[in-house]
Protein backbone atom coordinates (compact mmCIF):
# COMPACT_ATOMS: atom_id res chain seq x y z
CA MET A 1 -7.52 -24.11 10.09
CA ASN A 2 -8.50 -20.44 10.50
CA TRP A 3 -9.64 -18.31 13.41
CA ASP A 4 -13.19 -17.98 12.08
CA ASP A 5 -13.62 -21.71 12.63
CA MET A 6 -11.50 -22.00 15.75
CA GLN A 7 -13.26 -19.20 17.62
CA LEU A 8 -16.53 -21.15 17.39
CA PHE A 9 -14.89 -24.11 19.10
CA HIS A 10 -13.19 -21.88 21.67
CA ALA A 11 -16.39 -20.01 22.56
CA ALA A 12 -18.33 -23.27 22.96
CA ALA A 13 -15.57 -24.83 25.08
CA VAL A 14 -15.32 -21.79 27.40
CA ALA A 15 -19.10 -21.32 27.72
CA GLY A 16 -19.76 -25.02 28.18
CA SER A 17 -23.10 -24.72 26.43
CA MET A 18 -24.56 -23.84 23.05
CA THR A 19 -26.64 -21.07 24.59
CA GLY A 20 -23.66 -19.38 26.20
CA ALA A 21 -21.58 -19.68 23.02
CA THR A 22 -24.29 -18.17 20.81
CA ARG A 23 -24.43 -15.13 23.09
CA ARG A 24 -20.66 -14.68 22.78
CA LEU A 25 -20.67 -15.09 19.01
CA ASN A 26 -23.97 -13.41 18.14
CA LEU A 27 -25.05 -16.50 16.18
CA SER A 28 -28.23 -18.54 16.28
CA GLN A 29 -28.03 -21.96 17.90
CA PRO A 30 -28.76 -23.83 14.64
CA GLN A 31 -25.96 -21.87 12.90
CA LEU A 32 -23.47 -22.64 15.62
CA SER A 33 -24.46 -26.30 15.79
CA ARG A 34 -24.11 -26.71 12.03
CA ARG A 35 -20.72 -25.00 11.87
CA LEU A 36 -19.34 -26.99 14.81
CA ARG A 37 -20.36 -30.22 13.10
CA GLN A 38 -18.64 -29.01 9.90
CA LEU A 39 -15.51 -28.29 11.93
CA GLU A 40 -15.59 -31.74 13.49
CA ASP A 41 -16.13 -33.34 10.09
CA GLY A 42 -13.17 -31.39 8.71
CA ILE A 43 -10.91 -32.47 11.58
CA GLY A 44 -12.21 -36.03 11.55
CA ALA A 45 -12.91 -36.18 15.28
CA ARG A 46 -15.67 -35.24 17.72
CA LEU A 47 -14.72 -32.26 19.85
CA PHE A 48 -17.72 -32.28 22.20
CA ASP A 49 -20.08 -34.70 23.83
CA ARG A 50 -23.56 -33.16 23.90
CA THR A 51 -24.98 -33.97 27.37
CA PRO A 52 -28.07 -32.76 29.27
CA GLN A 53 -25.70 -30.69 31.41
CA GLY A 54 -24.16 -29.00 28.36
CA LEU A 55 -21.09 -29.48 26.21
CA LYS A 56 -18.27 -31.69 27.46
CA LEU A 57 -14.90 -31.75 25.72
CA THR A 58 -13.74 -35.05 24.28
CA ARG A 59 -10.08 -36.02 24.45
CA ALA A 60 -9.67 -34.52 20.97
CA GLY A 61 -11.32 -31.33 22.18
CA GLU A 62 -9.05 -31.17 25.24
CA THR A 63 -6.02 -31.53 22.99
CA LEU A 64 -7.19 -28.77 20.67
CA LEU A 65 -8.28 -26.25 23.32
CA PRO A 66 -4.79 -24.90 24.30
CA HIS A 67 -4.04 -24.20 20.65
CA ALA A 68 -7.39 -22.47 20.23
CA GLU A 69 -6.51 -20.35 23.27
CA ASP A 70 -3.21 -19.37 21.63
CA MET A 71 -5.07 -18.35 18.48
CA ARG A 72 -7.51 -16.29 20.54
CA LYS A 73 -4.66 -14.42 22.22
CA ALA A 74 -3.06 -13.73 18.84
CA ALA A 75 -6.39 -12.52 17.41
CA ASP A 76 -6.90 -10.23 20.41
CA ALA A 77 -3.41 -8.81 19.93
CA VAL A 78 -4.15 -8.08 16.28
CA SER A 79 -7.41 -6.38 17.24
CA ARG A 80 -5.56 -4.12 19.66
CA VAL A 81 -2.91 -3.15 17.13
CA THR A 82 -5.08 -2.70 14.03
CA PRO A 83 -6.60 0.71 14.91
CA ASN A 84 -3.09 2.17 15.23
CA LEU A 85 -1.63 0.78 12.02
CA SER A 86 -2.87 3.65 9.88
CA THR A 87 -0.79 6.06 11.97
CA ARG A 88 2.33 3.94 11.45
CA GLY A 89 2.23 3.84 7.67
CA LEU A 90 4.68 5.66 5.46
CA ARG A 91 4.80 9.34 6.40
CA LYS A 92 7.96 10.53 4.61
CA ILE A 93 7.96 10.47 0.79
CA ARG A 94 11.29 10.73 -1.04
CA LEU A 95 10.79 12.47 -4.34
CA SER A 96 13.53 12.78 -6.97
CA VAL A 97 13.31 15.62 -9.48
CA ASP A 98 15.82 17.44 -11.65
CA ASP A 99 17.13 20.96 -11.17
CA MET A 100 14.32 22.67 -13.12
CA ARG A 101 11.33 20.64 -12.02
CA ILE A 102 12.07 21.48 -8.41
CA GLN A 103 11.78 25.15 -9.33
CA PHE A 104 8.34 24.54 -10.83
CA ILE A 105 7.26 22.60 -7.75
CA ASN A 106 8.56 25.34 -5.45
CA ARG A 107 6.41 27.90 -7.28
CA HIS A 108 3.35 25.87 -6.23
CA LEU A 109 4.70 24.65 -2.91
CA THR A 110 1.90 26.03 -0.75
CA GLU A 111 -0.73 24.18 -2.75
CA LEU A 112 1.34 20.99 -2.66
CA VAL A 113 1.97 21.10 1.09
CA ASP A 114 -1.69 21.79 1.81
CA ALA A 115 -2.73 18.84 -0.36
CA VAL A 116 -0.39 16.27 1.23
CA GLY A 117 -1.34 17.23 4.78
CA ASP A 118 0.87 15.55 7.38
CA VAL A 119 3.06 13.78 4.82
CA GLU A 120 6.71 14.89 4.96
CA LEU A 121 8.26 15.48 1.53
CA GLU A 122 11.98 14.95 0.99
CA PHE A 123 13.31 16.18 -2.37
CA PHE A 124 16.38 14.93 -4.23
CA SER A 125 17.50 17.15 -7.09
CA THR A 126 19.12 14.75 -9.53
CA HIS A 127 19.06 13.70 -13.16
CA GLN A 128 19.69 10.06 -12.34
CA HIS A 129 17.07 7.34 -12.13
CA LEU A 130 17.18 6.39 -8.47
CA ASN A 131 16.36 2.92 -7.18
CA LEU A 132 12.64 2.62 -6.46
CA VAL A 133 13.08 -0.86 -4.97
CA ASP A 134 15.50 -0.10 -2.14
CA ARG A 135 13.69 3.16 -1.25
CA THR A 136 16.52 5.42 -2.45
CA SER A 137 13.54 7.22 -3.90
CA ASP A 138 9.80 6.66 -3.54
CA LEU A 139 8.64 8.79 -6.46
CA GLN A 140 10.39 10.16 -9.52
CA ILE A 141 9.22 12.78 -11.98
CA ARG A 142 10.63 12.16 -15.42
CA THR A 143 9.96 12.61 -19.12
CA CYS A 144 11.99 9.52 -20.05
CA LEU A 145 10.90 6.29 -18.42
CA PRO A 146 12.96 3.54 -16.78
CA ASP A 147 13.16 0.22 -18.60
CA THR A 148 11.56 -2.02 -15.97
CA ASP A 149 8.20 -3.63 -15.29
CA THR A 150 8.43 -3.21 -11.51
CA VAL A 151 7.13 0.37 -11.65
CA ILE A 152 4.01 2.08 -12.84
CA MET A 153 3.61 5.63 -14.07
CA ARG A 154 0.97 8.33 -14.03
CA LYS A 155 0.94 11.14 -16.56
CA LEU A 156 1.03 14.54 -14.91
CA ALA A 157 1.10 16.94 -17.86
CA GLU A 158 2.45 17.65 -21.31
CA GLN A 159 5.80 19.42 -21.15
CA SER A 160 6.52 21.76 -24.04
CA TYR A 161 9.53 23.75 -25.23
CA ALA A 162 10.22 27.01 -27.03
CA VAL A 163 13.17 29.13 -28.16
CA TYR A 164 14.00 31.98 -25.76
CA GLY A 165 16.28 34.96 -25.72
CA GLN A 166 17.07 37.63 -23.17
CA ARG A 167 14.83 40.68 -23.71
CA ASP A 168 17.45 43.45 -23.47
CA TRP A 169 19.98 41.50 -25.52
CA LEU A 170 17.47 40.89 -28.31
CA ALA A 171 16.56 44.59 -28.38
CA LYS A 172 20.14 45.37 -29.46
CA LEU A 173 20.01 42.94 -32.39
CA PRO A 174 18.51 43.62 -35.81
CA GLU A 175 14.95 42.30 -36.11
CA ARG A 176 15.11 38.73 -37.42
CA SER A 177 12.77 35.89 -38.36
CA MET A 178 13.02 32.53 -36.65
CA ALA A 179 14.77 31.13 -39.71
CA GLU A 180 17.34 33.92 -39.49
CA HIS A 181 17.85 33.29 -35.79
CA LEU A 182 18.54 29.63 -36.54
CA ALA A 183 21.15 30.60 -39.12
CA ASP A 184 22.80 33.74 -37.73
CA THR A 185 22.12 34.40 -34.00
CA PRO A 186 24.51 32.92 -31.41
CA TRP A 187 23.08 30.00 -29.43
CA ILE A 188 23.47 28.20 -26.15
CA GLY A 189 23.36 24.42 -26.41
CA PHE A 190 23.87 21.17 -24.54
CA CYS A 191 27.01 19.13 -24.19
CA ALA A 192 27.30 16.57 -26.96
CA ASP A 193 27.91 13.70 -24.55
CA THR A 194 25.01 14.51 -22.23
CA LYS A 195 22.52 11.74 -21.71
CA TRP A 196 20.09 13.88 -19.75
CA TYR A 197 18.86 16.05 -22.60
CA PRO A 198 19.20 13.99 -25.78
CA GLN A 199 16.00 15.41 -27.27
CA GLU A 200 17.14 18.99 -26.88
CA HIS A 201 20.60 18.20 -28.28
CA LEU A 202 19.14 16.43 -31.32
CA TRP A 203 16.75 19.31 -32.02
CA MET A 204 19.61 21.78 -32.13
CA GLU A 205 21.69 19.47 -34.33
CA ALA A 206 18.79 19.30 -36.78
CA HIS A 207 17.78 22.98 -36.84
CA VAL A 208 20.56 25.32 -35.67
CA THR A 209 23.30 26.21 -38.14
CA ALA A 210 24.38 29.38 -36.31
CA PRO A 211 27.43 29.27 -33.99
CA VAL A 212 26.96 27.79 -30.51
CA ARG A 213 28.75 29.95 -27.96
CA LEU A 214 28.15 27.90 -24.83
CA ARG A 215 27.13 24.36 -23.94
CA TYR A 216 25.81 23.09 -20.63
CA ASN A 217 24.74 19.74 -19.26
CA CYS A 218 21.75 20.98 -17.26
CA ILE A 219 18.75 23.22 -17.90
CA ALA A 220 19.41 25.47 -14.89
CA ASP A 221 22.81 26.52 -16.25
CA CYS A 222 21.36 26.90 -19.73
CA LEU A 223 18.72 29.24 -18.30
CA ALA A 224 21.37 31.28 -16.50
CA GLY A 225 23.39 31.61 -19.68
CA THR A 226 20.33 32.72 -21.63
CA LYS A 227 19.47 35.36 -19.05
CA ALA A 228 23.04 36.63 -19.22
CA GLY A 229 22.34 37.65 -22.82
CA VAL A 230 24.89 35.67 -24.80
CA GLY A 231 22.66 33.51 -26.99
CA LEU A 232 19.34 31.85 -27.69
CA ALA A 233 18.32 28.54 -26.13
CA ILE A 234 15.50 26.03 -26.14
CA LEU A 235 13.96 25.83 -22.69
CA PRO A 236 10.88 24.22 -21.15
CA ARG A 237 8.00 26.65 -21.40
CA PHE A 238 7.24 26.34 -17.69
CA VAL A 239 10.73 27.82 -17.21
CA GLY A 240 10.77 30.46 -19.92
CA GLU A 241 7.24 31.79 -19.54
CA ALA A 242 7.77 32.37 -15.83
CA ASP A 243 10.73 34.69 -16.40
CA ASP A 244 10.01 38.27 -17.50
CA ALA A 245 13.60 38.70 -18.68
CA LEU A 246 13.02 36.20 -21.51
CA ILE A 247 11.10 36.41 -24.79
CA ASN A 248 9.52 33.41 -26.52
CA LEU A 249 10.65 33.64 -30.14
CA SER A 250 9.25 30.44 -31.60
CA GLY A 251 6.00 29.60 -29.89
CA THR A 252 5.57 26.00 -28.78
CA LEU A 253 7.86 23.54 -30.53
CA ASP A 254 5.33 20.78 -31.19
CA GLU A 255 7.96 18.19 -32.02
CA MET A 256 9.51 18.69 -28.58
CA THR A 257 6.28 18.31 -26.60
CA GLY A 258 6.01 15.15 -24.52
CA PRO A 259 4.38 13.67 -21.42
CA GLU A 260 5.63 14.28 -17.91
CA HIS A 261 5.26 11.27 -15.60
CA VAL A 262 5.47 10.45 -11.93
CA ILE A 263 6.93 6.96 -11.47
CA VAL A 264 6.41 4.70 -8.46
CA ASN A 265 7.14 1.12 -7.47
CA ARG A 266 4.04 -1.05 -7.84
CA ASP A 267 4.04 -2.23 -4.25
CA LEU A 268 4.57 1.23 -2.79
CA LEU A 269 1.45 2.54 -4.51
CA ARG A 270 -0.59 0.78 -1.81
CA GLU A 271 0.70 3.27 0.77
CA PRO A 272 -1.94 5.99 1.39
CA ALA A 273 0.77 8.66 1.75
CA VAL A 274 2.16 7.78 -1.68
CA ARG A 275 -1.24 7.98 -3.33
CA LYS A 276 -1.93 11.28 -1.58
CA THR A 277 1.37 12.72 -2.80
CA ILE A 278 0.78 11.59 -6.40
CA ASP A 279 -2.69 13.17 -6.37
CA ALA A 280 -1.21 16.39 -4.97
CA LEU A 281 1.45 16.47 -7.70
CA ALA A 282 -1.21 15.95 -10.38
CA LYS A 283 -3.10 18.88 -8.91
CA ILE A 284 -0.22 21.34 -9.12
CA TYR A 285 0.85 20.06 -12.54
CA ARG A 286 -2.36 21.47 -13.95
CA HIS A 287 -0.46 24.76 -13.85
CA MET A 288 2.24 23.49 -16.21
CA ILE A 289 2.10 25.05 -19.69
């Protein structure tokens, strides 16, 4: 039994006539008559006696009417609430990013805030994959993807890397080719046990034979060490190209280029605020090089 059927019965019972019910329901009399008979056939009992004076409830109809009235009250309550539901949807989006991605986002923060409108953004700077099910995080931006089928991803951009050195420090060194830098120039690397930058660590293991002076477990510290002028480092190009103190020595390292994704729980994607935030992120990520 659904309200579409029950409201026909309720309108006819309250009006006491087919004519009055059709005015309430904006239906023709033949339509209403046919649908009431279908309802009676489905129930297996007559609900009305059709008399010259109008419709008269049978005992079955009298039994059903209080329940129809309850359904009407519930339907009216839903109608009153529905227009306000859109204002009670998700308005705060929790977004987890790592220490360098937040710097990129902050460079384009005005564009992002304008695009999301009245959505409040809450950022978590972390390397860890947060739980998208229990709302520890609503969205995550990652290169590596979680091993689960409960989330979906959207590609934002291609993230690329290059070898960088501090401008003034390099000016004091003899002019060298990239091959010579790999063999002779001091480097800054990543901790061997880090699980956050395995790609960067493996690239250095495969290409760099020069001494490694420093190792870090996050890109932000690696950037700071590079700017201090103690060694070369591989950094995301969106980091290195934005800093005038650094020089790109290698050009884009094609083998290090990979997709950048925003990840979201499947169910949460139905929230308008989530979709708006993802679209806004895609818009600013057009600036990533």
